[in-house]
Amino acid sequence: MSSITQTQPLDVPSAIAQRRSIKTFKTDPIAPELLKQLVELTVAAPSSYNIQGWQIILVQDEAQKAALSAASWNQQQIVQAPVTFVFAADPNAGEQNLTPILEQGLETGAWNEGTVNYFKTAIPQFQAGLGEKRREYAIKDAIIAATHLVLAAESLGLSTCFMNGWIEDQVKQVIGAGDNPDLAIAVVVPVGYAAEPRLNPGRLPFSSNVSVDRIGNPYTG
């Protein structure tokens, strides 16, 4: 099936089973309405207390793509793909003004007054208790959002590649965050139409890395 002509979205199990890391992309653009749908599905991801502490930067400008590629050991998929999502994580997001998040939760009916009042105290306490793990927790939330992106993209006929090969300080300079020492880069994800086949390298048997109750008690399925 040609990616560009795919009109029927894949269901979630099919998208998971089909997805592969694609390293070469066509230069075909992503239609604006399709890109918006990807962003909507990405930010639908859950996050701790619904803080949504990620910063997602869509790198599309050719000069920006070249600079991001240079910050990523010159990997060319960033230059080829029409857009690359940079997922940054803000360890201090829980200290921001949380009123918009809390009020929206009330308006939607997801949270009641008691929950909101509890969160007003619980969120700052939780953040303070994390200490040095704030960065780790923020990155976890950003990675969850990135996973939503790659599965949404796959279901809509697009391809992606999780990239972990980049120099954080240089990536931060490219996205305009060079003066924010706390901001972390979680992952970089080019998105576009595949220019190579989806080949499955296989997976280890369950018994090698899936256990029941304790490590070493293999799950056999």
C-alpha atoms as a PDB file:
ATOM      1  CA  MET A   1       0.000   0.000   0.000  1.00  0.00           C
ATOM      2  CA  SER A   2       1.337   3.427  -0.866  1.00  0.00           C
ATOM      3  CA  SER A   3       1.625   5.593   2.222  1.00  0.00           C
ATOM      4  CA  ILE A   4       0.501   8.709   0.391  1.00  0.00           C
ATOM      5  CA  THR A   5      -2.705   7.089  -0.833  1.00  0.00           C
ATOM      6  CA  GLN A   6      -3.638   5.531   2.515  1.00  0.00           C
ATOM      7  CA  THR A   7      -7.062   6.891   3.444  1.00  0.00           C
ATOM      8  CA  GLN A   8      -8.298   4.438   6.068  1.00  0.00           C
ATOM      9  CA  PRO A   9      -6.432   4.788   9.386  1.00  0.00           C
ATOM     10  CA  LEU A  10      -4.997   1.606  10.828  1.00  0.00           C
ATOM     11  CA  ASP A  11      -6.383   0.356  14.117  1.00  0.00           C
ATOM     12  CA  VAL A  12      -4.030   0.552  17.107  1.00  0.00           C
ATOM     13  CA  PRO A  13      -2.887  -3.118  17.105  1.00  0.00           C
ATOM     14  CA  SER A  14      -2.118  -2.928  13.374  1.00  0.00           C
ATOM     15  CA  ALA A  15      -0.158   0.306  13.778  1.00  0.00           C
ATOM     16  CA  ILE A  16       1.883  -1.222  16.609  1.00  0.00           C
ATOM     17  CA  ALA A  17       2.586  -4.390  14.631  1.00  0.00           C
ATOM     18  CA  GLN A  18       3.489  -2.569  11.411  1.00  0.00           C
ATOM     19  CA  ARG A  19       5.611   0.287  12.808  1.00  0.00           C
ATOM     20  CA  ARG A  20       9.333   0.205  12.072  1.00  0.00           C
ATOM     21  CA  SER A  21      12.091   2.755  12.523  1.00  0.00           C
ATOM     22  CA  ILE A  22      12.540   4.367   9.117  1.00  0.00           C
ATOM     23  CA  LYS A  23      15.887   5.984   8.352  1.00  0.00           C
ATOM     24  CA  THR A  24      15.244   7.342   4.839  1.00  0.00           C
ATOM     25  CA  PHE A  25      12.292   9.520   3.890  1.00  0.00           C
ATOM     26  CA  LYS A  26      10.711  10.979   0.797  1.00  0.00           C
ATOM     27  CA  THR A  27      10.614  14.772   0.705  1.00  0.00           C
ATOM     28  CA  ASP A  28       6.834  14.801   0.125  1.00  0.00           C
ATOM     29  CA  PRO A  29       5.206  17.360   2.450  1.00  0.00           C
ATOM     30  CA  ILE A  30       2.671  16.457   5.120  1.00  0.00           C
ATOM     31  CA  ALA A  31      -0.674  18.174   4.520  1.00  0.00           C
ATOM     32  CA  PRO A  32      -1.357  20.834   7.181  1.00  0.00           C
ATOM     33  CA  GLU A  33      -4.582  19.206   8.330  1.00  0.00           C
ATOM     34  CA  LEU A  34      -2.786  15.861   8.716  1.00  0.00           C
ATOM     35  CA  LEU A  35       0.021  17.497  10.682  1.00  0.00           C
ATOM     36  CA  LYS A  36      -2.543  19.144  12.958  1.00  0.00           C
ATOM     37  CA  GLN A  37      -4.156  15.756  13.546  1.00  0.00           C
ATOM     38  CA  LEU A  38      -0.761  14.340  14.509  1.00  0.00           C
ATOM     39  CA  VAL A  39      -0.186  17.163  16.992  1.00  0.00           C
ATOM     40  CA  GLU A  40      -3.652  16.676  18.502  1.00  0.00           C
ATOM     41  CA  LEU A  41      -3.048  12.941  18.970  1.00  0.00           C
ATOM     42  CA  THR A  42       0.414  13.574  20.395  1.00  0.00           C
ATOM     43  CA  VAL A  43      -0.703  16.026  23.077  1.00  0.00           C
ATOM     44  CA  ALA A  44      -3.593  13.701  23.975  1.00  0.00           C
ATOM     45  CA  ALA A  45      -0.974  11.643  25.814  1.00  0.00           C
ATOM     46  CA  PRO A  46      -1.260  11.319  29.584  1.00  0.00           C
ATOM     47  CA  SER A  47       1.159  13.101  31.901  1.00  0.00           C
ATOM     48  CA  SER A  48       1.721  13.287  35.635  1.00  0.00           C
ATOM     49  CA  TYR A  49      -1.202  15.252  37.146  1.00  0.00           C
ATOM     50  CA  ASN A  50      -1.978  16.312  33.563  1.00  0.00           C
ATOM     51  CA  ILE A  51       0.769  18.948  33.869  1.00  0.00           C
ATOM     52  CA  GLN A  52       1.740  18.420  30.193  1.00  0.00           C
ATOM     53  CA  GLY A  53       5.282  19.528  30.950  1.00  0.00           C
ATOM     54  CA  TRP A  54       6.602  18.851  27.483  1.00  0.00           C
ATOM     55  CA  GLN A  55       7.687  21.401  24.913  1.00  0.00           C
ATOM     56  CA  ILE A  56       7.216  20.004  21.397  1.00  0.00           C
ATOM     57  CA  ILE A  57       9.006  21.827  18.597  1.00  0.00           C
ATOM     58  CA  LEU A  58       8.072  21.076  14.971  1.00  0.00           C
ATOM     59  CA  VAL A  59      11.226  21.684  12.944  1.00  0.00           C
ATOM     60  CA  GLN A  60      10.207  22.367   9.315  1.00  0.00           C
ATOM     61  CA  ASP A  61      12.330  25.271   8.030  1.00  0.00           C
ATOM     62  CA  GLU A  62      15.124  24.002   5.785  1.00  0.00           C
ATOM     63  CA  ALA A  63      17.833  25.942   7.635  1.00  0.00           C
ATOM     64  CA  GLN A  64      16.496  24.728  10.970  1.00  0.00           C
ATOM     65  CA  LYS A  65      16.437  21.148   9.700  1.00  0.00           C
ATOM     66  CA  ALA A  66      20.054  21.461   8.552  1.00  0.00           C
ATOM     67  CA  ALA A  67      21.091  22.859  11.927  1.00  0.00           C
ATOM     68  CA  LEU A  68      19.228  20.121  13.790  1.00  0.00           C
ATOM     69  CA  SER A  69      20.856  17.490  11.579  1.00  0.00           C
ATOM     70  CA  ALA A  70      24.268  18.977  12.347  1.00  0.00           C
ATOM     71  CA  ALA A  71      23.437  18.736  16.073  1.00  0.00           C
ATOM     72  CA  SER A  72      22.494  15.090  15.489  1.00  0.00           C
ATOM     73  CA  TRP A  73      25.793  13.834  14.064  1.00  0.00           C
ATOM     74  CA  ASN A  74      24.652  14.818  10.549  1.00  0.00           C
ATOM     75  CA  GLN A  75      21.954  12.178  10.364  1.00  0.00           C
ATOM     76  CA  GLN A  76      20.160  12.859   7.099  1.00  0.00           C
ATOM     77  CA  GLN A  77      16.662  11.671   7.985  1.00  0.00           C
ATOM     78  CA  ILE A  78      16.109  15.063   9.650  1.00  0.00           C
ATOM     79  CA  VAL A  79      16.940  16.841   6.387  1.00  0.00           C
ATOM     80  CA  GLN A  80      14.851  14.436   4.287  1.00  0.00           C
ATOM     81  CA  ALA A  81      11.698  14.287   6.423  1.00  0.00           C
ATOM     82  CA  PRO A  82       9.306  17.223   6.003  1.00  0.00           C
ATOM     83  CA  VAL A  83       9.053  17.725   9.771  1.00  0.00           C
ATOM     84  CA  THR A  84      10.954  16.575  12.829  1.00  0.00           C
ATOM     85  CA  PHE A  85       9.354  16.691  16.261  1.00  0.00           C
ATOM     86  CA  VAL A  86      11.764  17.630  19.045  1.00  0.00           C
ATOM     87  CA  PHE A  87      10.422  16.568  22.435  1.00  0.00           C
ATOM     88  CA  ALA A  88      11.827  18.684  25.232  1.00  0.00           C
ATOM     89  CA  ALA A  89      10.942  18.169  28.889  1.00  0.00           C
ATOM     90  CA  ASP A  90      10.576  20.867  31.515  1.00  0.00           C
ATOM     91  CA  PRO A  91      11.440  19.568  34.999  1.00  0.00           C
ATOM     92  CA  ASN A  92       9.951  22.719  36.519  1.00  0.00           C
ATOM     93  CA  ALA A  93       6.554  22.559  34.819  1.00  0.00           C
ATOM     94  CA  GLY A  94       4.855  21.639  38.090  1.00  0.00           C
ATOM     95  CA  GLU A  95       5.894  24.993  39.537  1.00  0.00           C
ATOM     96  CA  GLN A  96       4.138  27.010  36.834  1.00  0.00           C
ATOM     97  CA  ASN A  97       0.715  28.586  37.287  1.00  0.00           C
ATOM     98  CA  LEU A  98      -1.466  25.490  37.243  1.00  0.00           C
ATOM     99  CA  THR A  99      -4.770  27.396  37.262  1.00  0.00           C
ATOM    100  CA  PRO A 100      -5.542  26.823  33.536  1.00  0.00           C
ATOM    101  CA  ILE A 101      -5.012  23.064  33.938  1.00  0.00           C
ATOM    102  CA  LEU A 102      -7.060  22.862  37.141  1.00  0.00           C
ATOM    103  CA  GLU A 103      -9.906  25.021  35.785  1.00  0.00           C
ATOM    104  CA  GLN A 104     -10.097  23.007  32.580  1.00  0.00           C
ATOM    105  CA  GLY A 105     -10.345  19.805  34.600  1.00  0.00           C
ATOM    106  CA  LEU A 106     -13.277  21.308  36.498  1.00  0.00           C
ATOM    107  CA  GLU A 107     -14.992  22.526  33.322  1.00  0.00           C
ATOM    108  CA  THR A 108     -14.763  19.160  31.605  1.00  0.00           C
ATOM    109  CA  GLY A 109     -16.112  17.403  34.684  1.00  0.00           C
ATOM    110  CA  ALA A 110     -13.039  15.194  34.915  1.00  0.00           C
ATOM    111  CA  TRP A 111     -12.173  16.632  38.349  1.00  0.00           C
ATOM    112  CA  ASN A 112     -14.391  17.920  41.145  1.00  0.00           C
ATOM    113  CA  GLU A 113     -13.665  20.772  43.569  1.00  0.00           C
ATOM    114  CA  GLY A 114     -12.176  18.388  46.103  1.00  0.00           C
ATOM    115  CA  THR A 115      -9.766  16.948  43.570  1.00  0.00           C
ATOM    116  CA  VAL A 116      -8.699  20.393  42.385  1.00  0.00           C
ATOM    117  CA  ASN A 117      -8.119  21.623  45.923  1.00  0.00           C
ATOM    118  CA  TYR A 118      -6.103  18.490  46.670  1.00  0.00           C
ATOM    119  CA  PHE A 119      -3.990  18.991  43.530  1.00  0.00           C
ATOM    120  CA  LYS A 120      -3.195  22.585  44.520  1.00  0.00           C
ATOM    121  CA  THR A 121      -1.217  21.185  47.446  1.00  0.00           C
ATOM    122  CA  ALA A 122      -0.300  17.743  46.155  1.00  0.00           C
ATOM    123  CA  ILE A 123       1.359  18.803  42.898  1.00  0.00           C
ATOM    124  CA  PRO A 124       3.902  21.188  44.468  1.00  0.00           C
ATOM    125  CA  GLN A 125       4.605  18.651  47.219  1.00  0.00           C
ATOM    126  CA  PHE A 126       5.077  15.873  44.684  1.00  0.00           C
ATOM    127  CA  GLN A 127       7.413  18.019  42.573  1.00  0.00           C
ATOM    128  CA  ALA A 128       9.459  19.035  45.605  1.00  0.00           C
ATOM    129  CA  GLY A 129       9.691  15.403  46.711  1.00  0.00           C
ATOM    130  CA  LEU A 130      11.089  14.327  43.359  1.00  0.00           C
ATOM    131  CA  GLY A 131      14.291  16.283  43.923  1.00  0.00           C
ATOM    132  CA  GLU A 132      16.889  15.206  41.381  1.00  0.00           C
ATOM    133  CA  LYS A 133      14.348  12.900  39.704  1.00  0.00           C
ATOM    134  CA  ARG A 134      12.394  15.851  38.290  1.00  0.00           C
ATOM    135  CA  ARG A 135      14.300  15.643  35.012  1.00  0.00           C
ATOM    136  CA  GLU A 136      13.735  11.896  34.756  1.00  0.00           C
ATOM    137  CA  TYR A 137       9.992  12.216  35.375  1.00  0.00           C
ATOM    138  CA  ALA A 138       9.628  15.052  32.866  1.00  0.00           C
ATOM    139  CA  ILE A 139      11.455  12.994  30.237  1.00  0.00           C
ATOM    140  CA  LYS A 140       9.159  10.034  30.911  1.00  0.00           C
ATOM    141  CA  ASP A 141       6.091  12.163  30.174  1.00  0.00           C
ATOM    142  CA  ALA A 142       7.678  13.501  26.977  1.00  0.00           C
ATOM    143  CA  ILE A 143       8.558   9.986  25.816  1.00  0.00           C
ATOM    144  CA  ILE A 144       4.960   8.857  26.376  1.00  0.00           C
ATOM    145  CA  ALA A 145       3.804  11.713  24.129  1.00  0.00           C
ATOM    146  CA  ALA A 146       6.416  10.757  21.524  1.00  0.00           C
ATOM    147  CA  THR A 147       5.099   7.189  21.529  1.00  0.00           C
ATOM    148  CA  HIS A 148       1.621   8.523  20.843  1.00  0.00           C
ATOM    149  CA  LEU A 149       3.082  10.434  17.894  1.00  0.00           C
ATOM    150  CA  VAL A 150       4.792   7.459  16.261  1.00  0.00           C
ATOM    151  CA  LEU A 151       1.737   5.217  16.541  1.00  0.00           C
ATOM    152  CA  ALA A 152      -0.606   7.960  15.317  1.00  0.00           C
ATOM    153  CA  ALA A 153       1.733   8.651  12.401  1.00  0.00           C
ATOM    154  CA  GLU A 154       1.924   4.968  11.493  1.00  0.00           C
ATOM    155  CA  SER A 155      -1.860   4.640  11.577  1.00  0.00           C
ATOM    156  CA  LEU A 156      -2.189   7.590   9.191  1.00  0.00           C
ATOM    157  CA  GLY A 157       0.283   6.324   6.571  1.00  0.00           C
ATOM    158  CA  LEU A 158       3.371   8.157   7.832  1.00  0.00           C
ATOM    159  CA  SER A 159       6.642   6.818   9.174  1.00  0.00           C
ATOM    160  CA  THR A 160       8.890   7.817  12.043  1.00  0.00           C
ATOM    161  CA  CYS A 161      12.149   7.065  13.787  1.00  0.00           C
ATOM    162  CA  PHE A 162      12.972   7.566  17.463  1.00  0.00           C
ATOM    163  CA  MET A 163      16.369   9.276  17.461  1.00  0.00           C
ATOM    164  CA  ASN A 164      18.665   9.299  20.468  1.00  0.00           C
ATOM    165  CA  GLY A 165      21.811  10.326  18.573  1.00  0.00           C
ATOM    166  CA  TRP A 166      22.230  14.050  19.153  1.00  0.00           C
ATOM    167  CA  ILE A 167      24.142  16.526  21.317  1.00  0.00           C
ATOM    168  CA  GLU A 168      21.709  18.015  23.821  1.00  0.00           C
ATOM    169  CA  ASP A 169      23.289  21.444  24.191  1.00  0.00           C
ATOM    170  CA  GLN A 170      23.440  21.853  20.412  1.00  0.00           C
ATOM    171  CA  VAL A 171      19.829  20.761  19.939  1.00  0.00           C
ATOM    172  CA  LYS A 172      18.779  23.268  22.613  1.00  0.00           C
ATOM    173  CA  GLN A 173      20.596  26.035  20.743  1.00  0.00           C
ATOM    174  CA  VAL A 174      18.754  25.119  17.527  1.00  0.00           C
ATOM    175  CA  ILE A 175      15.316  25.276  19.170  1.00  0.00           C
ATOM    176  CA  GLY A 176      16.070  28.524  20.998  1.00  0.00           C
ATOM    177  CA  ALA A 177      16.489  27.044  24.479  1.00  0.00           C
ATOM    178  CA  GLY A 178      20.225  27.472  24.904  1.00  0.00           C
ATOM    179  CA  ASP A 179      19.681  29.754  27.897  1.00  0.00           C
ATOM    180  CA  ASN A 180      17.484  27.245  29.775  1.00  0.00           C
ATOM    181  CA  PRO A 181      19.857  24.925  31.659  1.00  0.00           C
ATOM    182  CA  ASP A 182      17.049  22.829  33.166  1.00  0.00           C
ATOM    183  CA  LEU A 183      15.216  21.968  29.937  1.00  0.00           C
ATOM    184  CA  ALA A 184      15.982  18.411  28.811  1.00  0.00           C
ATOM    185  CA  ILE A 185      15.812  16.963  25.318  1.00  0.00           C
ATOM    186  CA  ALA A 186      13.912  13.688  25.581  1.00  0.00           C
ATOM    187  CA  VAL A 187      13.865  12.414  21.990  1.00  0.00           C
ATOM    188  CA  VAL A 188      13.910  13.612  18.373  1.00  0.00           C
ATOM    189  CA  VAL A 189      11.429  12.108  15.891  1.00  0.00           C
ATOM    190  CA  PRO A 190      11.504  12.731  12.116  1.00  0.00           C
ATOM    191  CA  VAL A 191       8.090  12.223  10.493  1.00  0.00           C
ATOM    192  CA  GLY A 192       7.367  11.691   6.821  1.00  0.00           C
ATOM    193  CA  TYR A 193       6.725   9.161   4.078  1.00  0.00           C
ATOM    194  CA  ALA A 194       9.019   6.147   4.038  1.00  0.00           C
ATOM    195  CA  ALA A 195      11.560   5.754   1.253  1.00  0.00           C
ATOM    196  CA  GLU A 196      12.510   2.242   2.367  1.00  0.00           C
ATOM    197  CA  PRO A 197      10.598  -0.960   3.149  1.00  0.00           C
ATOM    198  CA  ARG A 198       9.399  -1.797   6.645  1.00  0.00           C
ATOM    199  CA  LEU A 199      11.550  -4.791   7.530  1.00  0.00           C
ATOM    200  CA  ASN A 200      10.992  -6.621  10.802  1.00  0.00           C
ATOM    201  CA  PRO A 201      14.256  -7.527  12.594  1.00  0.00           C
ATOM    202  CA  GLY A 202      12.310  -9.800  14.948  1.00  0.00           C
ATOM    203  CA  ARG A 203      11.953  -9.903  18.715  1.00  0.00           C
ATOM    204  CA  LEU A 204      13.430 -12.113  21.409  1.00  0.00           C
ATOM    205  CA  PRO A 205      11.148 -14.815  22.852  1.00  0.00           C
ATOM    206  CA  PHE A 206       9.066 -13.738  25.854  1.00  0.00           C
ATOM    207  CA  SER A 207      11.108 -16.007  28.096  1.00  0.00           C
ATOM    208  CA  SER A 208      14.228 -13.875  27.610  1.00  0.00           C
ATOM    209  CA  ASN A 209      12.879 -10.614  29.037  1.00  0.00           C
ATOM    210  CA  VAL A 210       9.283 -11.021  30.228  1.00  0.00           C
ATOM    211  CA  SER A 211       8.741 -12.491  33.684  1.00  0.00           C
ATOM    212  CA  VAL A 212       5.868 -13.285  36.040  1.00  0.00           C
ATOM    213  CA  ASP A 213       6.048 -11.698  39.502  1.00  0.00           C
ATOM    214  CA  ARG A 214       9.860 -11.774  39.668  1.00  0.00           C
ATOM    215  CA  ILE A 215      12.748 -11.530  37.204  1.00  0.00           C
ATOM    216  CA  GLY A 216      13.894 -15.018  36.285  1.00  0.00           C
ATOM    217  CA  ASN A 217      10.425 -16.555  36.332  1.00  0.00           C
ATOM    218  CA  PRO A 218       9.843 -16.418  32.578  1.00  0.00           C
ATOM    219  CA  TYR A 219       6.501 -15.662  31.010  1.00  0.00           C
ATOM    220  CA  THR A 220       5.992 -18.118  28.182  1.00  0.00           C
ATOM    221  CA  GLY A 221       2.648 -16.942  26.843  1.00  0.00           C
END
